[in-house]
């Protein structure tokens, strides 16, 4: 190979590399842009591969923690979950939590997690709720006077045991 041929080959190699990079950008850029959902502010929600995998299996956006782990692990055989249900929401970035997420144009990610209604509840409120539940189940003659909002909040946070 002569000197001129070697220079031409190096130029071709750099040109080929630049062409591959340009082609990759042309193919990947629309994929990344379409990977999100535009919010009202124009921000785009970027969905992680974990989120995409889970939403295909659990269209409601949540599932039992063990079932979610089974799907993430690739559905291995011999994977056993217990009978307990631990509901978990999954978020666009691939993380998990106990509250659902929503589109939020004011957030840099384009989404936010709903506030937890159980934050700030006290032991005294739990004791009040326990008496209310026992009264509603007929164990006491009278019970505490709770507002409908309190009943909804406490019921969502601590449940009704019958």
C-alpha atoms as a PDB file:
ATOM      1  CA  UNK A   1       0.000   0.000   0.000  1.00  0.00           C
ATOM      2  CA  UNK A   2       1.505   3.328  -1.035  1.00  0.00           C
ATOM      3  CA  UNK A   3       1.547   6.547   0.956  1.00  0.00           C
ATOM      4  CA  UNK A   4      -1.322   8.032  -1.079  1.00  0.00           C
ATOM      5  CA  UNK A   5      -3.425   4.883  -0.632  1.00  0.00           C
ATOM      6  CA  UNK A   6      -2.801   4.877   3.118  1.00  0.00           C
ATOM      7  CA  UNK A   7      -3.901   8.536   3.428  1.00  0.00           C
ATOM      8  CA  UNK A   8      -7.009   7.852   1.321  1.00  0.00           C
ATOM      9  CA  UNK A   9      -7.843   4.820   3.496  1.00  0.00           C
ATOM     10  CA  UNK A  10      -7.492   6.864   6.714  1.00  0.00           C
ATOM     11  CA  UNK A  11      -9.745   9.590   5.267  1.00  0.00           C
ATOM     12  CA  UNK A  12     -12.260   6.945   4.243  1.00  0.00           C
ATOM     13  CA  UNK A  13     -12.110   5.394   7.710  1.00  0.00           C
ATOM     14  CA  UNK A  14     -12.778   8.798   9.364  1.00  0.00           C
ATOM     15  CA  UNK A  15     -15.533   9.510   6.826  1.00  0.00           C
ATOM     16  CA  UNK A  16     -17.081   6.092   7.477  1.00  0.00           C
ATOM     17  CA  UNK A  17     -16.914   6.670  11.245  1.00  0.00           C
ATOM     18  CA  UNK A  18     -18.546  10.101  10.878  1.00  0.00           C
ATOM     19  CA  UNK A  19     -21.241   8.585   8.662  1.00  0.00           C
ATOM     20  CA  UNK A  20     -21.957   5.872  11.241  1.00  0.00           C
ATOM     21  CA  UNK A  21     -22.202   8.475  14.022  1.00  0.00           C
ATOM     22  CA  UNK A  22     -24.511  10.672  11.930  1.00  0.00           C
ATOM     23  CA  UNK A  23     -26.661   7.663  11.060  1.00  0.00           C
ATOM     24  CA  UNK A  24     -26.825   6.612  14.726  1.00  0.00           C
ATOM     25  CA  UNK A  25     -27.888  10.115  15.757  1.00  0.00           C
ATOM     26  CA  UNK A  26     -30.518  10.170  12.999  1.00  0.00           C
ATOM     27  CA  UNK A  27     -31.933   6.851  14.210  1.00  0.00           C
ATOM     28  CA  UNK A  28     -31.617   7.344  17.992  1.00  0.00           C
ATOM     29  CA  UNK A  29     -32.725  10.991  18.274  1.00  0.00           C
ATOM     30  CA  UNK A  30     -36.304  10.354  17.075  1.00  0.00           C
ATOM     31  CA  UNK A  31     -36.487   7.297  19.344  1.00  0.00           C
ATOM     32  CA  UNK A  32     -35.485   9.324  22.402  1.00  0.00           C
ATOM     33  CA  UNK A  33     -37.857  12.127  21.446  1.00  0.00           C
ATOM     34  CA  UNK A  34     -40.739   9.705  21.009  1.00  0.00           C
ATOM     35  CA  UNK A  35     -39.867   7.908  24.245  1.00  0.00           C
ATOM     36  CA  UNK A  36     -41.683  10.530  26.239  1.00  0.00           C
ATOM     37  CA  UNK A  37     -45.037  12.107  26.569  1.00  0.00           C
ATOM     38  CA  UNK A  38     -45.250  15.851  26.115  1.00  0.00           C
ATOM     39  CA  UNK A  39     -46.496  17.766  29.113  1.00  0.00           C
ATOM     40  CA  UNK A  40     -48.318  21.058  28.927  1.00  0.00           C
ATOM     41  CA  UNK A  41     -45.055  22.987  29.349  1.00  0.00           C
ATOM     42  CA  UNK A  42     -43.414  21.149  26.485  1.00  0.00           C
ATOM     43  CA  UNK A  43     -41.301  19.000  28.806  1.00  0.00           C
ATOM     44  CA  UNK A  44     -41.031  15.384  27.837  1.00  0.00           C
ATOM     45  CA  UNK A  45     -41.374  12.451  30.200  1.00  0.00           C
ATOM     46  CA  UNK A  46     -38.601   9.956  29.557  1.00  0.00           C
ATOM     47  CA  UNK A  47     -39.669   6.400  30.337  1.00  0.00           C
ATOM     48  CA  UNK A  48     -36.979   3.975  31.521  1.00  0.00           C
ATOM     49  CA  UNK A  49     -36.704   0.441  30.112  1.00  0.00           C
ATOM     50  CA  UNK A  50     -37.861  -0.867  33.518  1.00  0.00           C
ATOM     51  CA  UNK A  51     -41.011   1.260  33.324  1.00  0.00           C
ATOM     52  CA  UNK A  52     -41.727   0.090  29.758  1.00  0.00           C
ATOM     53  CA  UNK A  53     -41.340  -3.552  30.787  1.00  0.00           C
ATOM     54  CA  UNK A  54     -43.595  -3.165  33.815  1.00  0.00           C
ATOM     55  CA  UNK A  55     -46.334  -1.102  32.121  1.00  0.00           C
ATOM     56  CA  UNK A  56     -46.629  -3.832  29.477  1.00  0.00           C
ATOM     57  CA  UNK A  57     -47.338  -6.368  32.237  1.00  0.00           C
ATOM     58  CA  UNK A  58     -49.236  -4.085  34.630  1.00  0.00           C
ATOM     59  CA  UNK A  59     -51.202  -1.478  32.626  1.00  0.00           C
ATOM     60  CA  UNK A  60     -52.714   0.007  35.800  1.00  0.00           C
ATOM     61  CA  UNK A  61     -49.276   1.370  36.755  1.00  0.00           C
ATOM     62  CA  UNK A  62     -48.917  -0.703  39.915  1.00  0.00           C
ATOM     63  CA  UNK A  63     -48.585  -4.286  41.016  1.00  0.00           C
ATOM     64  CA  UNK A  64     -47.622  -6.499  43.921  1.00  0.00           C
ATOM     65  CA  UNK A  65     -43.981  -5.923  44.858  1.00  0.00           C
ATOM     66  CA  UNK A  66     -43.096  -9.594  44.440  1.00  0.00           C
ATOM     67  CA  UNK A  67     -44.802  -9.805  41.045  1.00  0.00           C
ATOM     68  CA  UNK A  68     -42.947  -6.678  39.898  1.00  0.00           C
ATOM     69  CA  UNK A  69     -39.636  -8.215  40.989  1.00  0.00           C
ATOM     70  CA  UNK A  70     -40.491 -11.425  39.120  1.00  0.00           C
ATOM     71  CA  UNK A  71     -41.065  -9.498  35.887  1.00  0.00           C
ATOM     72  CA  UNK A  72     -37.899  -7.406  36.342  1.00  0.00           C
ATOM     73  CA  UNK A  73     -35.891 -10.592  36.967  1.00  0.00           C
ATOM     74  CA  UNK A  74     -37.037 -11.912  33.588  1.00  0.00           C
ATOM     75  CA  UNK A  75     -39.780 -14.251  34.822  1.00  0.00           C
ATOM     76  CA  UNK A  76     -37.462 -16.987  36.082  1.00  0.00           C
ATOM     77  CA  UNK A  77     -38.956 -20.385  36.829  1.00  0.00           C
ATOM     78  CA  UNK A  78     -39.110 -21.366  40.460  1.00  0.00           C
ATOM     79  CA  UNK A  79     -39.720 -17.772  41.592  1.00  0.00           C
ATOM     80  CA  UNK A  80     -42.202 -17.920  44.475  1.00  0.00           C
ATOM     81  CA  UNK A  81     -44.203 -15.035  45.927  1.00  0.00           C
ATOM     82  CA  UNK A  82     -46.077 -15.189  49.202  1.00  0.00           C
ATOM     83  CA  UNK A  83     -49.809 -14.600  49.576  1.00  0.00           C
ATOM     84  CA  UNK A  84     -49.303 -11.113  51.023  1.00  0.00           C
ATOM     85  CA  UNK A  85     -50.092  -8.219  48.673  1.00  0.00           C
ATOM     86  CA  UNK A  86     -47.676  -5.280  48.812  1.00  0.00           C
ATOM     87  CA  UNK A  87     -48.959  -2.813  46.219  1.00  0.00           C
ATOM     88  CA  UNK A  88     -46.192  -0.760  44.613  1.00  0.00           C
ATOM     89  CA  UNK A  89     -46.464   1.956  41.980  1.00  0.00           C
ATOM     90  CA  UNK A  90     -43.681   2.200  39.434  1.00  0.00           C
ATOM     91  CA  UNK A  91     -42.466   5.507  38.095  1.00  0.00           C
ATOM     92  CA  UNK A  92     -41.159   6.588  34.675  1.00  0.00           C
ATOM     93  CA  UNK A  93     -37.549   6.673  35.949  1.00  0.00           C
ATOM     94  CA  UNK A  94     -37.742   3.007  37.025  1.00  0.00           C
ATOM     95  CA  UNK A  95     -38.139   3.623  40.762  1.00  0.00           C
ATOM     96  CA  UNK A  96     -40.986   2.469  43.002  1.00  0.00           C
ATOM     97  CA  UNK A  97     -43.208   3.898  45.717  1.00  0.00           C
ATOM     98  CA  UNK A  98     -46.536   3.601  47.489  1.00  0.00           C
ATOM     99  CA  UNK A  99     -48.234   6.558  45.763  1.00  0.00           C
ATOM    100  CA  UNK A 100     -49.185   6.970  42.081  1.00  0.00           C
ATOM    101  CA  UNK A 101     -47.499   9.507  39.808  1.00  0.00           C
ATOM    102  CA  UNK A 102     -49.081  12.149  37.568  1.00  0.00           C
ATOM    103  CA  UNK A 103     -48.048  14.431  34.714  1.00  0.00           C
ATOM    104  CA  UNK A 104     -46.673  17.658  36.207  1.00  0.00           C
ATOM    105  CA  UNK A 105     -45.625  20.420  33.823  1.00  0.00           C
ATOM    106  CA  UNK A 106     -43.895  22.309  36.646  1.00  0.00           C
ATOM    107  CA  UNK A 107     -41.511  19.417  37.335  1.00  0.00           C
ATOM    108  CA  UNK A 108     -38.229  19.175  35.397  1.00  0.00           C
ATOM    109  CA  UNK A 109     -38.970  15.491  34.727  1.00  0.00           C
ATOM    110  CA  UNK A 110     -42.524  16.226  33.551  1.00  0.00           C
ATOM    111  CA  UNK A 111     -44.052  14.108  36.337  1.00  0.00           C
ATOM    112  CA  UNK A 112     -44.470  14.051  40.134  1.00  0.00           C
ATOM    113  CA  UNK A 113     -45.602  11.613  42.796  1.00  0.00           C
ATOM    114  CA  UNK A 114     -48.902  12.273  44.571  1.00  0.00           C
ATOM    115  CA  UNK A 115     -48.648  13.427  48.169  1.00  0.00           C
ATOM    116  CA  UNK A 116     -49.035  10.709  50.781  1.00  0.00           C
ATOM    117  CA  UNK A 117     -52.262  11.315  52.753  1.00  0.00           C
ATOM    118  CA  UNK A 118     -50.829   9.349  55.671  1.00  0.00           C
ATOM    119  CA  UNK A 119     -47.955  11.756  56.264  1.00  0.00           C
ATOM    120  CA  UNK A 120     -48.390  13.580  59.537  1.00  0.00           C
ATOM    121  CA  UNK A 121     -50.878  11.198  61.148  1.00  0.00           C
ATOM    122  CA  UNK A 122     -50.307  10.691  64.856  1.00  0.00           C
ATOM    123  CA  UNK A 123     -50.540   7.800  67.297  1.00  0.00           C
ATOM    124  CA  UNK A 124     -53.531   9.520  68.884  1.00  0.00           C
ATOM    125  CA  UNK A 125     -55.347   9.547  65.544  1.00  0.00           C
ATOM    126  CA  UNK A 126     -54.566   5.852  65.093  1.00  0.00           C
ATOM    127  CA  UNK A 127     -56.023   5.109  68.534  1.00  0.00           C
ATOM    128  CA  UNK A 128     -59.115   7.136  67.632  1.00  0.00           C
ATOM    129  CA  UNK A 129     -59.443   5.176  64.382  1.00  0.00           C
ATOM    130  CA  UNK A 130     -59.076   1.837  66.167  1.00  0.00           C
ATOM    131  CA  UNK A 131     -61.954   2.737  68.507  1.00  0.00           C
ATOM    132  CA  UNK A 132     -64.043   3.912  65.539  1.00  0.00           C
ATOM    133  CA  UNK A 133     -63.478   0.641  63.644  1.00  0.00           C
ATOM    134  CA  UNK A 134     -64.297  -1.436  66.715  1.00  0.00           C
ATOM    135  CA  UNK A 135     -67.436   0.652  67.294  1.00  0.00           C
ATOM    136  CA  UNK A 136     -68.491   0.271  63.644  1.00  0.00           C
ATOM    137  CA  UNK A 137     -68.044  -3.496  64.029  1.00  0.00           C
ATOM    138  CA  UNK A 138     -70.386  -3.517  67.017  1.00  0.00           C
ATOM    139  CA  UNK A 139     -67.848  -3.950  69.814  1.00  0.00           C
ATOM    140  CA  UNK A 140     -68.739  -0.675  71.566  1.00  0.00           C
ATOM    141  CA  UNK A 141     -72.023   1.097  72.336  1.00  0.00           C
ATOM    142  CA  UNK A 142     -70.674   4.424  71.102  1.00  0.00           C
ATOM    143  CA  UNK A 143     -67.735   5.641  69.103  1.00  0.00           C
ATOM    144  CA  UNK A 144     -65.863   8.804  68.253  1.00  0.00           C
ATOM    145  CA  UNK A 145     -67.466  11.410  66.030  1.00  0.00           C
ATOM    146  CA  UNK A 146     -65.336  11.464  62.862  1.00  0.00           C
ATOM    147  CA  UNK A 147     -65.897  13.589  59.774  1.00  0.00           C
ATOM    148  CA  UNK A 148     -66.313  11.883  56.383  1.00  0.00           C
ATOM    149  CA  UNK A 149     -62.866  13.255  55.426  1.00  0.00           C
ATOM    150  CA  UNK A 150     -61.278  11.687  58.505  1.00  0.00           C
ATOM    151  CA  UNK A 151     -63.000   8.357  57.818  1.00  0.00           C
ATOM    152  CA  UNK A 152     -61.763   8.359  54.204  1.00  0.00           C
ATOM    153  CA  UNK A 153     -58.209   9.322  55.174  1.00  0.00           C
ATOM    154  CA  UNK A 154     -57.862   6.970  58.118  1.00  0.00           C
ATOM    155  CA  UNK A 155     -59.479   4.123  56.188  1.00  0.00           C
ATOM    156  CA  UNK A 156     -57.042   4.620  53.302  1.00  0.00           C
ATOM    157  CA  UNK A 157     -54.051   4.740  55.617  1.00  0.00           C
ATOM    158  CA  UNK A 158     -54.873   2.082  58.186  1.00  0.00           C
ATOM    159  CA  UNK A 159     -57.613   0.057  56.589  1.00  0.00           C
ATOM    160  CA  UNK A 160     -60.701  -1.529  57.997  1.00  0.00           C
ATOM    161  CA  UNK A 161     -60.175  -4.729  59.883  1.00  0.00           C
ATOM    162  CA  UNK A 162     -63.272  -6.804  60.248  1.00  0.00           C
END
